[in-house]
Amino acid sequence: MTEAERERPVRSPCVSICALDEQDLCLGCQRTASEISRWGRMSNDERRQVLAQLAERARAQGLMQ
């Protein structure tokens, strides 16, 4: 088993506020519908990339500084 296979899965950013806005972004976690549906099949590296994008989206919307 490789180190990547032993690594714990990166946790979902879901905060149980599941509603998509006009831009197809979840109001709770800032993921797109596609990202939400693919999350379970993503590698940890892909999940980390999405998490980085979520932070940028939240900043762009004024939700984070």
N, C-alpha and C. Protein backbone atom coordinates (compact mmCIF):
# COMPACT_ATOMS: atom_id res chain seq x y z
N MET A 1 0.85 -1.18 0.00
CA MET A 1 0.00 0.00 0.00
C MET A 1 0.90 1.25 0.00
N THR A 2 0.59 2.18 -0.89
CA THR A 2 1.39 3.41 -0.98
C THR A 2 1.01 4.38 0.13
N GLU A 3 1.87 5.36 0.33
CA GLU A 3 1.58 6.38 1.36
C GLU A 3 0.29 7.13 1.04
N ALA A 4 0.05 7.42 -0.24
CA ALA A 4 -1.17 8.12 -0.65
C ALA A 4 -2.41 7.30 -0.31
N GLU A 5 -2.30 5.97 -0.44
CA GLU A 5 -3.44 5.10 -0.13
C GLU A 5 -3.69 5.02 1.38
N ARG A 6 -2.64 5.19 2.18
CA ARG A 6 -2.79 5.15 3.64
C ARG A 6 -3.27 6.48 4.21
N GLU A 7 -3.12 7.54 3.44
CA GLU A 7 -3.50 8.88 3.90
C GLU A 7 -5.01 8.95 4.14
N ARG A 8 -5.39 9.61 5.20
CA ARG A 8 -6.82 9.78 5.50
C ARG A 8 -7.45 10.69 4.45
N PRO A 9 -8.70 10.43 4.08
CA PRO A 9 -9.36 11.27 3.09
C PRO A 9 -9.51 12.71 3.59
N VAL A 10 -9.31 13.66 2.68
CA VAL A 10 -9.54 15.06 3.00
C VAL A 10 -11.04 15.23 3.23
N ARG A 11 -11.37 15.85 4.32
CA ARG A 11 -12.77 15.98 4.74
C ARG A 11 -13.55 16.95 3.86
N SER A 12 -14.81 16.64 3.67
CA SER A 12 -15.70 17.48 2.88
C SER A 12 -15.91 18.83 3.58
N PRO A 13 -16.00 19.91 2.81
CA PRO A 13 -16.26 21.22 3.41
C PRO A 13 -17.74 21.48 3.67
N CYS A 14 -18.59 20.48 3.45
CA CYS A 14 -20.03 20.65 3.63
C CYS A 14 -20.36 21.15 5.04
N VAL A 15 -21.24 22.15 5.10
CA VAL A 15 -21.70 22.68 6.39
C VAL A 15 -23.21 22.52 6.54
N SER A 16 -23.78 21.64 5.73
CA SER A 16 -25.22 21.30 5.77
C SER A 16 -26.12 22.49 5.47
N ILE A 17 -25.65 23.41 4.65
CA ILE A 17 -26.47 24.50 4.10
C ILE A 17 -26.41 24.29 2.59
N CYS A 18 -27.25 23.40 2.11
CA CYS A 18 -27.14 22.92 0.73
C CYS A 18 -28.16 23.60 -0.18
N ALA A 19 -27.73 24.67 -0.82
CA ALA A 19 -28.57 25.40 -1.77
C ALA A 19 -27.65 26.05 -2.79
N LEU A 20 -27.96 25.89 -4.07
CA LEU A 20 -27.13 26.47 -5.12
C LEU A 20 -27.65 27.85 -5.51
N ASP A 21 -26.73 28.77 -5.76
CA ASP A 21 -27.10 30.11 -6.21
C ASP A 21 -27.16 30.15 -7.74
N GLU A 22 -27.32 31.33 -8.30
CA GLU A 22 -27.44 31.49 -9.75
C GLU A 22 -26.17 31.07 -10.49
N GLN A 23 -25.02 31.10 -9.83
CA GLN A 23 -23.75 30.71 -10.45
C GLN A 23 -23.44 29.23 -10.23
N ASP A 24 -24.40 28.47 -9.71
CA ASP A 24 -24.23 27.04 -9.47
C ASP A 24 -23.26 26.77 -8.32
N LEU A 25 -23.14 27.72 -7.38
CA LEU A 25 -22.29 27.54 -6.21
C LEU A 25 -23.15 27.29 -4.98
N CYS A 26 -22.73 26.34 -4.17
CA CYS A 26 -23.46 26.07 -2.93
C CYS A 26 -23.28 27.25 -1.97
N LEU A 27 -24.37 27.71 -1.41
CA LEU A 27 -24.32 28.84 -0.47
C LEU A 27 -23.58 28.47 0.81
N GLY A 28 -23.54 27.20 1.15
CA GLY A 28 -22.87 26.77 2.38
C GLY A 28 -21.39 26.55 2.24
N CYS A 29 -20.99 25.77 1.23
CA CYS A 29 -19.58 25.39 1.13
C CYS A 29 -18.85 26.00 -0.06
N GLN A 30 -19.56 26.68 -0.95
CA GLN A 30 -18.97 27.35 -2.12
C GLN A 30 -18.53 26.39 -3.23
N ARG A 31 -18.87 25.09 -3.13
CA ARG A 31 -18.53 24.17 -4.22
C ARG A 31 -19.59 24.25 -5.31
N THR A 32 -19.18 23.90 -6.53
CA THR A 32 -20.13 23.79 -7.63
C THR A 32 -20.86 22.45 -7.49
N ALA A 33 -21.98 22.33 -8.20
CA ALA A 33 -22.72 21.06 -8.18
C ALA A 33 -21.82 19.93 -8.66
N SER A 34 -21.01 20.19 -9.66
CA SER A 34 -20.10 19.17 -10.19
C SER A 34 -19.08 18.75 -9.13
N GLU A 35 -18.51 19.72 -8.43
CA GLU A 35 -17.53 19.40 -7.38
C GLU A 35 -18.17 18.59 -6.27
N ILE A 36 -19.39 18.94 -5.92
CA ILE A 36 -20.11 18.20 -4.87
C ILE A 36 -20.32 16.75 -5.30
N SER A 37 -20.78 16.56 -6.53
CA SER A 37 -21.08 15.21 -6.99
C SER A 37 -19.83 14.37 -7.20
N ARG A 38 -18.70 14.98 -7.53
CA ARG A 38 -17.46 14.25 -7.77
C ARG A 38 -16.62 14.05 -6.52
N TRP A 39 -16.93 14.73 -5.42
CA TRP A 39 -16.08 14.74 -4.23
C TRP A 39 -15.68 13.34 -3.78
N GLY A 40 -16.59 12.42 -3.74
CA GLY A 40 -16.31 11.06 -3.27
C GLY A 40 -15.34 10.30 -4.16
N ARG A 41 -15.19 10.72 -5.40
CA ARG A 41 -14.30 10.05 -6.34
C ARG A 41 -12.98 10.80 -6.54
N MET A 42 -12.83 11.95 -5.92
CA MET A 42 -11.61 12.75 -6.07
C MET A 42 -10.49 12.20 -5.21
N SER A 43 -9.26 12.39 -5.70
CA SER A 43 -8.09 12.07 -4.88
C SER A 43 -7.93 13.18 -3.84
N ASN A 44 -7.10 12.94 -2.84
CA ASN A 44 -6.85 13.98 -1.84
C ASN A 44 -6.24 15.22 -2.48
N ASP A 45 -5.36 15.04 -3.46
CA ASP A 45 -4.77 16.20 -4.14
C ASP A 45 -5.85 17.03 -4.84
N GLU A 46 -6.78 16.35 -5.52
CA GLU A 46 -7.87 17.07 -6.18
C GLU A 46 -8.73 17.80 -5.15
N ARG A 47 -9.00 17.15 -4.03
CA ARG A 47 -9.81 17.77 -2.98
C ARG A 47 -9.11 19.02 -2.43
N ARG A 48 -7.81 18.94 -2.25
CA ARG A 48 -7.06 20.12 -1.76
C ARG A 48 -7.12 21.27 -2.77
N GLN A 49 -7.07 20.94 -4.05
CA GLN A 49 -7.19 21.97 -5.08
C GLN A 49 -8.56 22.65 -5.01
N VAL A 50 -9.61 21.85 -4.83
CA VAL A 50 -10.95 22.41 -4.70
C VAL A 50 -11.04 23.29 -3.46
N LEU A 51 -10.49 22.83 -2.34
CA LEU A 51 -10.53 23.63 -1.11
C LEU A 51 -9.85 24.98 -1.30
N ALA A 52 -8.74 25.00 -2.03
CA ALA A 52 -8.05 26.27 -2.30
C ALA A 52 -8.94 27.17 -3.14
N GLN A 53 -9.65 26.61 -4.10
CA GLN A 53 -10.56 27.40 -4.93
C GLN A 53 -11.72 27.93 -4.10
N LEU A 54 -12.19 27.15 -3.14
CA LEU A 54 -13.31 27.58 -2.30
C LEU A 54 -12.93 28.82 -1.50
N ALA A 55 -11.72 28.84 -0.99
CA ALA A 55 -11.27 30.00 -0.23
C ALA A 55 -11.24 31.24 -1.13
N GLU A 56 -10.77 31.08 -2.36
CA GLU A 56 -10.74 32.20 -3.31
C GLU A 56 -12.16 32.67 -3.64
N ARG A 57 -13.07 31.74 -3.84
CA ARG A 57 -14.46 32.10 -4.14
C ARG A 57 -15.09 32.86 -2.98
N ALA A 58 -14.84 32.38 -1.77
CA ALA A 58 -15.40 33.04 -0.58
C ALA A 58 -14.84 34.45 -0.44
N ARG A 59 -13.55 34.62 -0.70
CA ARG A 59 -12.95 35.98 -0.64
C ARG A 59 -13.56 36.88 -1.70
N ALA A 60 -13.73 36.35 -2.91
CA ALA A 60 -14.28 37.15 -4.01
C ALA A 60 -15.71 37.59 -3.72
N GLN A 61 -16.44 36.81 -2.94
CA GLN A 61 -17.82 37.16 -2.59
C GLN A 61 -17.91 37.94 -1.30
N GLY A 62 -16.76 38.24 -0.69
CA GLY A 62 -16.75 39.00 0.55
C GLY A 62 -17.13 38.19 1.78
N LEU A 63 -17.07 36.88 1.67
CA LEU A 63 -17.42 36.01 2.79
C LEU A 63 -16.23 35.77 3.71
N MET A 64 -15.02 36.00 3.20
CA MET A 64 -13.77 35.84 3.97
C MET A 64 -12.85 37.00 3.63
N GLN A 65 -11.95 37.27 4.52
CA GLN A 65 -10.94 38.30 4.24
C GLN A 65 -9.60 37.68 4.05
